[in-house]
Amino acid sequence: MINEISTFKAKTHFSNLIVKIEHGESFLITKRGKPVAKIIPYKPETNEVNFIELVSSFKKIRNKVKGKINIKELKEMGRKK
C-alpha cells in the first residue's frame, strides 16, 4: 500500500519519512492534490531474470499486436532499406 503525503509534510518530516521507508513503506508525494513523485524502499538490482515475468511481458506485447506477423516479410522489408 502506498501512503499519500503532501510535499510540505514530506519536507517537514523527511527524517521520519526515511525511517518509515527503511521499514518497507512507500509514499506518493502530492502537490496541491496531484501526484508528483513516488518514494519506495531501495532494492538492489539483480541480474536474475524471472522467467514467468519475462513470458508474461511477451504475452502482453503479443496481445497488443493485431493480426498475424509475417517474419519473412519483415526480414525482406529490412533488407530493402
PDB file of N, CA and C in Angstrom:
ATOM      1  N   MET A   1       0.839  -1.177   0.000  1.00  0.00           N
ATOM      2  CA  MET A   1       0.000   0.000   0.000  1.00  0.00           C
ATOM      3  C   MET A   1       0.889   1.247   0.000  1.00  0.00           C
ATOM      4  N   ILE A   2       0.482   2.238  -0.777  1.00  0.00           N
ATOM      5  CA  ILE A   2       1.241   3.481  -0.849  1.00  0.00           C
ATOM      6  C   ILE A   2       0.507   4.551  -0.050  1.00  0.00           C
ATOM      7  N   ASN A   3       1.239   5.177   0.851  1.00  0.00           N
ATOM      8  CA  ASN A   3       0.684   6.263   1.652  1.00  0.00           C
ATOM      9  C   ASN A   3       0.836   7.569   0.897  1.00  0.00           C
ATOM     10  N   GLU A   4      -0.173   8.419   0.951  1.00  0.00           N
ATOM     11  CA  GLU A   4      -0.124   9.707   0.275  1.00  0.00           C
ATOM     12  C   GLU A   4       0.299  10.782   1.276  1.00  0.00           C
ATOM     13  N   ILE A   5       1.203  11.660   0.842  1.00  0.00           N
ATOM     14  CA  ILE A   5       1.695  12.717   1.717  1.00  0.00           C
ATOM     15  C   ILE A   5       1.974  13.962   0.875  1.00  0.00           C
ATOM     16  N   SER A   6       1.674  15.127   1.432  1.00  0.00           N
ATOM     17  CA  SER A   6       1.885  16.378   0.700  1.00  0.00           C
ATOM     18  C   SER A   6       3.369  16.740   0.683  1.00  0.00           C
ATOM     19  N   THR A   7       3.753  17.573  -0.271  1.00  0.00           N
ATOM     20  CA  THR A   7       5.152  17.992  -0.354  1.00  0.00           C
ATOM     21  C   THR A   7       5.572  18.712   0.924  1.00  0.00           C
ATOM     22  N   PHE A   8       4.687  19.515   1.482  1.00  0.00           N
ATOM     23  CA  PHE A   8       5.013  20.247   2.710  1.00  0.00           C
ATOM     24  C   PHE A   8       5.296  19.282   3.855  1.00  0.00           C
ATOM     25  N   LYS A   9       4.406  18.300   4.049  1.00  0.00           N
ATOM     26  CA  LYS A   9       4.614  17.324   5.134  1.00  0.00           C
ATOM     27  C   LYS A   9       5.856  16.476   4.883  1.00  0.00           C
ATOM     28  N   ALA A  10       6.091  16.112   3.628  1.00  0.00           N
ATOM     29  CA  ALA A  10       7.274  15.315   3.302  1.00  0.00           C
ATOM     30  C   ALA A  10       8.540  16.088   3.640  1.00  0.00           C
ATOM     31  N   LYS A  11       8.549  17.378   3.317  1.00  0.00           N
ATOM     32  CA  LYS A  11       9.717  18.212   3.598  1.00  0.00           C
ATOM     33  C   LYS A  11       9.890  18.394   5.107  1.00  0.00           C
ATOM     34  N   THR A  12       8.785  18.653   5.789  1.00  0.00           N
ATOM     35  CA  THR A  12       8.832  18.912   7.225  1.00  0.00           C
ATOM     36  C   THR A  12       9.238  17.677   8.030  1.00  0.00           C
ATOM     37  N   HIS A  13       8.797  16.511   7.585  1.00  0.00           N
ATOM     38  CA  HIS A  13       9.034  15.269   8.340  1.00  0.00           C
ATOM     39  C   HIS A  13       9.910  14.290   7.554  1.00  0.00           C
ATOM     40  N   PHE A  14      10.865  14.826   6.802  1.00  0.00           N
ATOM     41  CA  PHE A  14      11.671  13.991   5.912  1.00  0.00           C
ATOM     42  C   PHE A  14      12.413  12.877   6.652  1.00  0.00           C
ATOM     43  N   SER A  15      13.009  13.183   7.787  1.00  0.00           N
ATOM     44  CA  SER A  15      13.751  12.156   8.549  1.00  0.00           C
ATOM     45  C   SER A  15      12.843  11.005   8.964  1.00  0.00           C
ATOM     46  N   ASN A  16      11.642  11.337   9.444  1.00  0.00           N
ATOM     47  CA  ASN A  16      10.682  10.297   9.843  1.00  0.00           C
ATOM     48  C   ASN A  16      10.224   9.493   8.626  1.00  0.00           C
ATOM     49  N   LEU A  17      10.071  10.180   7.518  1.00  0.00           N
ATOM     50  CA  LEU A  17       9.663   9.540   6.273  1.00  0.00           C
ATOM     51  C   LEU A  17      10.698   8.494   5.847  1.00  0.00           C
ATOM     52  N   ILE A  18      11.965   8.859   5.928  1.00  0.00           N
ATOM     53  CA  ILE A  18      13.051   7.945   5.557  1.00  0.00           C
ATOM     54  C   ILE A  18      13.049   6.710   6.452  1.00  0.00           C
ATOM     55  N   VAL A  19      12.831   6.883   7.737  1.00  0.00           N
ATOM     56  CA  VAL A  19      12.784   5.742   8.662  1.00  0.00           C
ATOM     57  C   VAL A  19      11.658   4.791   8.263  1.00  0.00           C
ATOM     58  N   LYS A  20      10.492   5.349   7.920  1.00  0.00           N
ATOM     59  CA  LYS A  20       9.354   4.505   7.524  1.00  0.00           C
ATOM     60  C   LYS A  20       9.656   3.769   6.217  1.00  0.00           C
ATOM     61  N   ILE A  21      10.331   4.448   5.307  1.00  0.00           N
ATOM     62  CA  ILE A  21      10.695   3.823   4.035  1.00  0.00           C
ATOM     63  C   ILE A  21      11.677   2.683   4.268  1.00  0.00           C
ATOM     64  N   GLU A  22      12.622   2.883   5.195  1.00  0.00           N
ATOM     65  CA  GLU A  22      13.566   1.815   5.538  1.00  0.00           C
ATOM     66  C   GLU A  22      12.847   0.571   6.062  1.00  0.00           C
ATOM     67  N   HIS A  23      11.666   0.776   6.638  1.00  0.00           N
ATOM     68  CA  HIS A  23      10.894  -0.352   7.177  1.00  0.00           C
ATOM     69  C   HIS A  23       9.873  -0.880   6.167  1.00  0.00           C
ATOM     70  N   GLY A  24       9.995  -0.463   4.902  1.00  0.00           N
ATOM     71  CA  GLY A  24       9.182  -1.062   3.850  1.00  0.00           C
ATOM     72  C   GLY A  24       7.990  -0.259   3.368  1.00  0.00           C
ATOM     73  N   GLU A  25       7.724   0.897   3.950  1.00  0.00           N
ATOM     74  CA  GLU A  25       6.579   1.691   3.495  1.00  0.00           C
ATOM     75  C   GLU A  25       6.928   2.462   2.221  1.00  0.00           C
ATOM     76  N   SER A  26       5.907   2.757   1.418  1.00  0.00           N
ATOM     77  CA  SER A  26       6.063   3.556   0.204  1.00  0.00           C
ATOM     78  C   SER A  26       5.184   4.784   0.315  1.00  0.00           C
ATOM     79  N   PHE A  27       5.608   5.857  -0.347  1.00  0.00           N
ATOM     80  CA  PHE A  27       4.860   7.108  -0.264  1.00  0.00           C
ATOM     81  C   PHE A  27       4.663   7.735  -1.634  1.00  0.00           C
ATOM     82  N   LEU A  28       3.465   8.295  -1.828  1.00  0.00           N
ATOM     83  CA  LEU A  28       3.156   9.081  -3.011  1.00  0.00           C
ATOM     84  C   LEU A  28       3.135  10.537  -2.559  1.00  0.00           C
ATOM     85  N   ILE A  29       4.042  11.334  -3.111  1.00  0.00           N
ATOM     86  CA  ILE A  29       4.140  12.738  -2.735  1.00  0.00           C
ATOM     87  C   ILE A  29       3.225  13.534  -3.663  1.00  0.00           C
ATOM     88  N   THR A  30       2.382  14.372  -3.068  1.00  0.00           N
ATOM     89  CA  THR A  30       1.449  15.166  -3.866  1.00  0.00           C
ATOM     90  C   THR A  30       1.694  16.656  -3.652  1.00  0.00           C
ATOM     91  N   LYS A  31       1.391  17.404  -4.683  1.00  0.00           N
ATOM     92  CA  LYS A  31       1.466  18.867  -4.615  1.00  0.00           C
ATOM     93  C   LYS A  31       0.114  19.389  -5.063  1.00  0.00           C
ATOM     94  N   ARG A  32      -0.564  20.033  -4.139  1.00  0.00           N
ATOM     95  CA  ARG A  32      -1.926  20.530  -4.398  1.00  0.00           C
ATOM     96  C   ARG A  32      -2.851  19.403  -4.859  1.00  0.00           C
ATOM     97  N   GLY A  33      -2.671  18.242  -4.249  1.00  0.00           N
ATOM     98  CA  GLY A  33      -3.527  17.092  -4.519  1.00  0.00           C
ATOM     99  C   GLY A  33      -3.154  16.272  -5.741  1.00  0.00           C
ATOM    100  N   LYS A  34      -2.144  16.706  -6.499  1.00  0.00           N
ATOM    101  CA  LYS A  34      -1.733  15.972  -7.694  1.00  0.00           C
ATOM    102  C   LYS A  34      -0.433  15.221  -7.431  1.00  0.00           C
ATOM    103  N   PRO A  35      -0.358  13.956  -7.833  1.00  0.00           N
ATOM    104  CA  PRO A  35       0.867  13.169  -7.622  1.00  0.00           C
ATOM    105  C   PRO A  35       2.048  13.767  -8.380  1.00  0.00           C
ATOM    106  N   VAL A  36       3.193  13.861  -7.692  1.00  0.00           N
ATOM    107  CA  VAL A  36       4.408  14.386  -8.329  1.00  0.00           C
ATOM    108  C   VAL A  36       5.596  13.431  -8.202  1.00  0.00           C
ATOM    109  N   ALA A  37       5.568  12.552  -7.206  1.00  0.00           N
ATOM    110  CA  ALA A  37       6.696  11.634  -7.021  1.00  0.00           C
ATOM    111  C   ALA A  37       6.254  10.436  -6.183  1.00  0.00           C
ATOM    112  N   LYS A  38       7.008   9.363  -6.332  1.00  0.00           N
ATOM    113  CA  LYS A  38       6.782   8.168  -5.526  1.00  0.00           C
ATOM    114  C   LYS A  38       8.116   7.806  -4.887  1.00  0.00           C
ATOM    115  N   ILE A  39       8.090   7.551  -3.587  1.00  0.00           N
ATOM    116  CA  ILE A  39       9.293   7.113  -2.882  1.00  0.00           C
ATOM    117  C   ILE A  39       9.030   5.698  -2.401  1.00  0.00           C
ATOM    118  N   ILE A  40       9.909   4.796  -2.817  1.00  0.00           N
ATOM    119  CA  ILE A  40       9.764   3.391  -2.451  1.00  0.00           C
ATOM    120  C   ILE A  40      11.072   2.902  -1.841  1.00  0.00           C
ATOM    121  N   PRO A  41      11.022   1.827  -1.059  1.00  0.00           N
ATOM    122  CA  PRO A  41      12.262   1.290  -0.486  1.00  0.00           C
ATOM    123  C   PRO A  41      13.224   0.848  -1.581  1.00  0.00           C
ATOM    124  N   TYR A  42      14.495   1.034  -1.331  1.00  0.00           N
ATOM    125  CA  TYR A  42      15.542   0.635  -2.277  1.00  0.00           C
ATOM    126  C   TYR A  42      15.718  -0.873  -2.240  1.00  0.00           C
ATOM    127  N   LYS A  43      15.805  -1.462  -3.419  1.00  0.00           N
ATOM    128  CA  LYS A  43      16.117  -2.889  -3.542  1.00  0.00           C
ATOM    129  C   LYS A  43      17.276  -3.000  -4.511  1.00  0.00           C
ATOM    130  N   PRO A  44      18.362  -3.620  -4.084  1.00  0.00           N
ATOM    131  CA  PRO A  44      19.496  -3.787  -5.000  1.00  0.00           C
ATOM    132  C   PRO A  44      19.071  -4.536  -6.261  1.00  0.00           C
ATOM    133  N   GLU A  45      19.588  -4.102  -7.390  1.00  0.00           N
ATOM    134  CA  GLU A  45      19.268  -4.757  -8.653  1.00  0.00           C
ATOM    135  C   GLU A  45      19.985  -6.096  -8.735  1.00  0.00           C
ATOM    136  N   THR A  46      19.316  -7.036  -9.310  1.00  0.00           N
ATOM    137  CA  THR A  46      19.929  -8.335  -9.541  1.00  0.00           C
ATOM    138  C   THR A  46      19.916  -8.599 -11.040  1.00  0.00           C
ATOM    139  N   ASN A  47      20.807  -9.432 -11.473  1.00  0.00           N
ATOM    140  CA  ASN A  47      20.875  -9.778 -12.885  1.00  0.00           C
ATOM    141  C   ASN A  47      20.022 -10.993 -13.209  1.00  0.00           C
ATOM    142  N   GLU A  48      19.323 -11.490 -12.210  1.00  0.00           N
ATOM    143  CA  GLU A  48      18.487 -12.665 -12.429  1.00  0.00           C
ATOM    144  C   GLU A  48      17.240 -12.271 -13.219  1.00  0.00           C
ATOM    145  N   VAL A  49      16.852 -13.132 -14.126  1.00  0.00           N
ATOM    146  CA  VAL A  49      15.659 -12.899 -14.916  1.00  0.00           C
ATOM    147  C   VAL A  49      14.580 -13.842 -14.417  1.00  0.00           C
ATOM    148  N   ASN A  50      13.439 -13.272 -14.070  1.00  0.00           N
ATOM    149  CA  ASN A  50      12.317 -14.090 -13.643  1.00  0.00           C
ATOM    150  C   ASN A  50      11.612 -14.569 -14.909  1.00  0.00           C
ATOM    151  N   PHE A  51      11.711 -15.856 -15.201  1.00  0.00           N
ATOM    152  CA  PHE A  51      11.196 -16.425 -16.434  1.00  0.00           C
ATOM    153  C   PHE A  51       9.697 -16.178 -16.583  1.00  0.00           C
ATOM    154  N   ILE A  52       8.951 -16.326 -15.513  1.00  0.00           N
ATOM    155  CA  ILE A  52       7.497 -16.150 -15.575  1.00  0.00           C
ATOM    156  C   ILE A  52       7.149 -14.700 -15.928  1.00  0.00           C
ATOM    157  N   GLU A  53       7.851 -13.734 -15.323  1.00  0.00           N
ATOM    158  CA  GLU A  53       7.607 -12.332 -15.650  1.00  0.00           C
ATOM    159  C   GLU A  53       7.989 -12.037 -17.095  1.00  0.00           C
ATOM    160  N   LEU A  54       9.075 -12.635 -17.565  1.00  0.00           N
ATOM    161  CA  LEU A  54       9.523 -12.433 -18.937  1.00  0.00           C
ATOM    162  C   LEU A  54       8.489 -12.944 -19.940  1.00  0.00           C
ATOM    163  N   VAL A  55       7.993 -14.138 -19.721  1.00  0.00           N
ATOM    164  CA  VAL A  55       6.978 -14.712 -20.611  1.00  0.00           C
ATOM    165  C   VAL A  55       5.709 -13.875 -20.556  1.00  0.00           C
ATOM    166  N   SER A  56       5.343 -13.422 -19.376  1.00  0.00           N
ATOM    167  CA  SER A  56       4.160 -12.579 -19.225  1.00  0.00           C
ATOM    168  C   SER A  56       4.309 -11.283 -20.021  1.00  0.00           C
ATOM    169  N   SER A  57       5.509 -10.711 -20.006  1.00  0.00           N
ATOM    170  CA  SER A  57       5.765  -9.492 -20.775  1.00  0.00           C
ATOM    171  C   SER A  57       5.596  -9.747 -22.263  1.00  0.00           C
ATOM    172  N   PHE A  58       6.124 -10.868 -22.743  1.00  0.00           N
ATOM    173  CA  PHE A  58       5.980 -11.207 -24.150  1.00  0.00           C
ATOM    174  C   PHE A  58       4.512 -11.389 -24.526  1.00  0.00           C
ATOM    175  N   LYS A  59       3.756 -12.025 -23.631  1.00  0.00           N
ATOM    176  CA  LYS A  59       2.331 -12.226 -23.912  1.00  0.00           C
ATOM    177  C   LYS A  59       1.600 -10.890 -24.021  1.00  0.00           C
ATOM    178  N   LYS A  60       1.936  -9.951 -23.147  1.00  0.00           N
ATOM    179  CA  LYS A  60       1.302  -8.631 -23.190  1.00  0.00           C
ATOM    180  C   LYS A  60       1.615  -7.924 -24.499  1.00  0.00           C
ATOM    181  N   ILE A  61       2.863  -8.004 -24.932  1.00  0.00           N
ATOM    182  CA  ILE A  61       3.259  -7.374 -26.195  1.00  0.00           C
ATOM    183  C   ILE A  61       2.536  -8.042 -27.357  1.00  0.00           C
ATOM    184  N   ARG A  62       2.510  -9.368 -27.350  1.00  0.00           N
ATOM    185  CA  ARG A  62       1.854 -10.103 -28.429  1.00  0.00           C
ATOM    186  C   ARG A  62       0.377  -9.752 -28.516  1.00  0.00           C
ATOM    187  N   ASN A  63      -0.280  -9.577 -27.369  1.00  0.00           N
ATOM    188  CA  ASN A  63      -1.699  -9.241 -27.362  1.00  0.00           C
ATOM    189  C   ASN A  63      -1.961  -7.830 -27.889  1.00  0.00           C
ATOM    190  N   LYS A  64      -0.964  -6.950 -27.797  1.00  0.00           N
ATOM    191  CA  LYS A  64      -1.127  -5.590 -28.312  1.00  0.00           C
ATOM    192  C   LYS A  64      -1.024  -5.541 -29.827  1.00  0.00           C
ATOM    193  N   VAL A  65      -0.315  -6.525 -30.413  1.00  0.00           N
ATOM    194  CA  VAL A  65      -0.137  -6.570 -31.863  1.00  0.00           C
ATOM    195  C   VAL A  65      -1.381  -7.199 -32.465  1.00  0.00           C
ATOM    196  N   LYS A  66      -1.990  -6.486 -33.402  1.00  0.00           N
ATOM    197  CA  LYS A  66      -3.214  -7.002 -34.014  1.00  0.00           C
ATOM    198  C   LYS A  66      -2.867  -7.741 -35.306  1.00  0.00           C
ATOM    199  N   GLY A  67      -3.454  -8.877 -35.492  1.00  0.00           N
ATOM    200  CA  GLY A  67      -3.222  -9.657 -36.698  1.00  0.00           C
ATOM    201  C   GLY A  67      -1.944 -10.461 -36.603  1.00  0.00           C
ATOM    202  N   LYS A  68      -1.713 -11.261 -37.629  1.00  0.00           N
ATOM    203  CA  LYS A  68      -0.509 -12.091 -37.653  1.00  0.00           C
ATOM    204  C   LYS A  68       0.659 -11.297 -38.201  1.00  0.00           C
ATOM    205  N   ILE A  69       1.829 -11.649 -37.745  1.00  0.00           N
ATOM    206  CA  ILE A  69       3.052 -11.004 -38.211  1.00  0.00           C
ATOM    207  C   ILE A  69       3.789 -11.997 -39.091  1.00  0.00           C
ATOM    208  N   ASN A  70       4.140 -11.562 -40.292  1.00  0.00           N
ATOM    209  CA  ASN A  70       4.870 -12.404 -41.219  1.00  0.00           C
ATOM    210  C   ASN A  70       6.349 -12.063 -41.094  1.00  0.00           C
ATOM    211  N   ILE A  71       7.101 -12.901 -40.399  1.00  0.00           N
ATOM    212  CA  ILE A  71       8.516 -12.648 -40.132  1.00  0.00           C
ATOM    213  C   ILE A  71       9.315 -12.551 -41.422  1.00  0.00           C
ATOM    214  N   LYS A  72       9.045 -13.443 -42.375  1.00  0.00           N
ATOM    215  CA  LYS A  72       9.777 -13.412 -43.646  1.00  0.00           C
ATOM    216  C   LYS A  72       9.571 -12.075 -44.352  1.00  0.00           C
ATOM    217  N   GLU A  73       8.341 -11.598 -44.331  1.00  0.00           N
ATOM    218  CA  GLU A  73       8.026 -10.315 -44.973  1.00  0.00           C
ATOM    219  C   GLU A  73       8.772  -9.169 -44.286  1.00  0.00           C
ATOM    220  N   LEU A  74       8.822  -9.189 -42.975  1.00  0.00           N
ATOM    221  CA  LEU A  74       9.532  -8.145 -42.238  1.00  0.00           C
ATOM    222  C   LEU A  74      11.032  -8.185 -42.532  1.00  0.00           C
ATOM    223  N   LYS A  75      11.595  -9.386 -42.649  1.00  0.00           N
ATOM    224  CA  LYS A  75      13.008  -9.516 -42.975  1.00  0.00           C
ATOM    225  C   LYS A  75      13.306  -8.900 -44.337  1.00  0.00           C
ATOM    226  N   GLU A  76      12.446  -9.216 -45.314  1.00  0.00           N
ATOM    227  CA  GLU A  76      12.642  -8.673 -46.658  1.00  0.00           C
ATOM    228  C   GLU A  76      12.528  -7.154 -46.672  1.00  0.00           C
ATOM    229  N   MET A  77      11.593  -6.629 -45.903  1.00  0.00           N
ATOM    230  CA  MET A  77      11.442  -5.171 -45.819  1.00  0.00           C
ATOM    231  C   MET A  77      12.699  -4.547 -45.250  1.00  0.00           C
ATOM    232  N   GLY A  78      13.281  -5.203 -44.253  1.00  0.00           N
ATOM    233  CA  GLY A  78      14.513  -4.686 -43.624  1.00  0.00           C
ATOM    234  C   GLY A  78      15.687  -4.734 -44.576  1.00  0.00           C
ATOM    235  N   ARG A  79      15.728  -5.726 -45.443  1.00  0.00           N
ATOM    236  CA  ARG A  79      16.824  -5.867 -46.392  1.00  0.00           C
ATOM    237  C   ARG A  79      16.749  -4.821 -47.502  1.00  0.00           C
ATOM    238  N   LYS A  80      15.548  -4.387 -47.817  1.00  0.00           N
ATOM    239  CA  LYS A  80      15.361  -3.420 -48.895  1.00  0.00           C
ATOM    240  C   LYS A  80      15.807  -2.022 -48.493  1.00  0.00           C
ATOM    241  N   LYS A  81      15.879  -1.748 -47.214  1.00  0.00           N
ATOM    242  CA  LYS A  81      16.226  -0.393 -46.748  1.00  0.00           C
ATOM    243  C   LYS A  81      17.658  -0.096 -46.885  1.00  0.00           C
TER     244      LYS A  81
END
